[in-house]
Protein backbone atom coordinates (compact mmCIF):
# COMPACT_ATOMS: atom_id res chain seq x y z
CA GLN A 1 13.32 -15.57 -7.02
CA LEU A 2 15.04 -18.88 -7.72
CA GLN A 3 12.58 -21.53 -8.80
CA LEU A 4 11.81 -24.49 -11.01
CA VAL A 5 8.43 -24.77 -12.64
CA GLU A 6 7.12 -28.00 -14.12
CA SER A 7 4.38 -28.10 -16.73
CA GLY A 8 2.85 -30.43 -19.27
CA GLY A 9 1.07 -32.89 -17.02
CA GLY A 10 -2.50 -33.98 -17.54
CA LEU A 11 -4.88 -36.85 -18.12
CA VAL A 12 -3.96 -39.29 -20.86
CA GLN A 13 -5.19 -42.72 -21.93
CA PRO A 14 -2.93 -45.77 -21.64
CA GLY A 15 -0.55 -45.86 -24.57
CA GLY A 16 -0.61 -42.09 -24.92
CA SER A 17 2.17 -39.54 -24.63
CA LEU A 18 2.97 -36.41 -22.68
CA ARG A 19 5.94 -34.07 -22.63
CA LEU A 20 6.85 -32.49 -19.33
CA SER A 21 8.88 -29.32 -19.10
CA CYS A 22 10.98 -28.02 -16.23
CA ALA A 23 11.86 -24.36 -16.59
CA ALA A 24 14.23 -22.49 -14.31
CA SER A 25 13.93 -18.85 -13.36
CA GLY A 26 16.37 -16.78 -11.39
CA PHE A 27 19.29 -19.05 -12.20
CA THR A 28 20.79 -20.90 -15.14
CA LEU A 29 20.55 -24.66 -15.41
CA ASP A 30 23.78 -25.03 -17.38
CA TYR A 31 25.85 -26.34 -14.46
CA TYR A 32 23.16 -28.34 -12.73
CA VAL A 33 22.49 -32.06 -12.90
CA ILE A 34 18.76 -32.46 -13.46
CA ARG A 35 16.64 -35.32 -12.24
CA TRP A 36 12.99 -36.17 -12.68
CA PHE A 37 11.21 -37.88 -9.81
CA ARG A 38 7.65 -39.05 -9.39
CA GLN A 39 5.44 -39.90 -6.48
CA ALA A 40 2.39 -42.11 -6.79
CA PRO A 41 -0.40 -41.97 -4.21
CA GLY A 42 0.64 -43.79 -1.06
CA LYS A 43 4.15 -44.45 -2.33
CA GLU A 44 7.56 -42.93 -1.80
CA ARG A 45 9.09 -40.55 -4.28
CA GLU A 46 11.21 -42.41 -6.82
CA GLY A 47 13.82 -41.32 -9.33
CA VAL A 48 12.80 -41.58 -12.96
CA SER A 49 15.62 -40.11 -14.99
CA CYS A 50 18.79 -38.08 -14.71
CA ILE A 51 20.75 -35.96 -17.18
CA SER A 52 24.24 -34.53 -16.80
CA THR A 53 25.11 -30.88 -17.37
CA THR A 54 26.12 -31.48 -20.98
CA GLY A 55 23.51 -34.14 -21.68
CA ASP A 56 26.20 -36.72 -22.38
CA THR A 57 25.23 -38.96 -19.49
CA ILE A 58 21.62 -40.04 -19.09
CA THR A 59 20.06 -42.68 -16.88
CA TYR A 60 16.56 -44.07 -16.52
CA SER A 61 14.83 -46.25 -14.00
CA ASP A 62 14.05 -49.73 -15.24
CA SER A 63 10.34 -48.99 -15.12
CA VAL A 64 10.54 -46.24 -17.76
CA LYS A 65 13.54 -47.30 -19.84
CA GLY A 66 12.67 -47.41 -23.52
CA ARG A 67 9.54 -45.30 -23.06
CA PHE A 68 10.76 -42.01 -21.56
CA THR A 69 13.36 -39.64 -22.95
CA ILE A 70 15.02 -36.85 -20.98
CA SER A 71 16.63 -33.92 -22.74
CA ARG A 72 17.80 -30.43 -21.96
CA ASP A 73 17.98 -27.16 -23.82
CA ASN A 74 20.37 -24.96 -21.90
CA GLY A 75 19.66 -22.10 -24.24
CA GLN A 76 16.00 -22.21 -23.18
CA ASN A 77 16.97 -22.98 -19.57
CA THR A 78 14.59 -25.92 -19.71
CA VAL A 79 14.68 -29.69 -19.28
CA TYR A 80 12.13 -32.01 -20.84
CA LEU A 81 10.77 -35.46 -20.19
CA GLN A 82 9.09 -37.06 -23.18
CA MET A 83 6.86 -39.87 -21.99
CA ASN A 84 5.53 -42.38 -24.51
CA SER A 85 3.54 -45.60 -24.18
CA LEU A 86 2.21 -44.41 -20.86
CA LYS A 87 0.80 -46.96 -18.42
CA PRO A 88 -1.58 -46.54 -15.48
CA GLU A 89 1.34 -47.21 -13.15
CA ASP A 90 3.01 -44.05 -14.46
CA THR A 91 0.36 -42.02 -12.66
CA GLY A 92 1.72 -39.63 -10.06
CA ILE A 93 3.10 -36.20 -9.40
CA TYR A 94 6.27 -35.54 -11.38
CA TYR A 95 8.94 -33.30 -9.93
CA CYS A 96 12.15 -31.95 -11.37
CA ASN A 97 15.23 -31.39 -9.26
CA ALA A 98 18.32 -29.34 -9.99
CA ARG A 99 21.45 -29.98 -7.99
CA LEU A 100 24.87 -28.32 -7.95
CA PHE A 101 26.97 -29.18 -4.89
CA SER A 102 24.98 -27.79 -1.94
CA ARG A 103 22.44 -26.03 -4.14
CA ASN A 104 19.35 -28.15 -4.46
CA TYR A 105 16.11 -26.91 -6.02
CA TRP A 106 12.74 -28.61 -6.47
CA GLY A 107 9.74 -27.68 -8.53
CA GLN A 108 6.19 -27.80 -7.25
CA GLY A 109 5.29 -30.84 -9.34
CA THR A 110 2.89 -31.57 -12.17
CA GLN A 111 0.19 -34.23 -12.04
CA VAL A 112 0.21 -37.04 -14.59
CA THR A 113 -2.80 -39.35 -14.68
CA VAL A 114 -2.93 -42.32 -17.03
CA SER A 115 -6.41 -43.75 -17.16
CA SER A 116 -9.04 -44.89 -19.63
């Protein structure tokens, strides 16, 4: 079965950190561009970060730039999102997406809640 599984979400205080993981099973991530998205309650899903197949090209949304770091370990078939200096507005469900031409896979999401 081809799937992506996110993990690492949870409840954290403002200023804290979390590391999200996105693991693939049934296929290799090597040739896929990976994106992290998030969706806050009552809002549309928004792109957070993107990493190329080799990791040479990385982009971030303005809202997370300087605080989040995306990385990939193709040997582990996993992509990570290190989130530091978390803010309440970072709260939402975080999804990873893998895309290669017409192949497009989504994970089920992991909840991140930033609250004191």
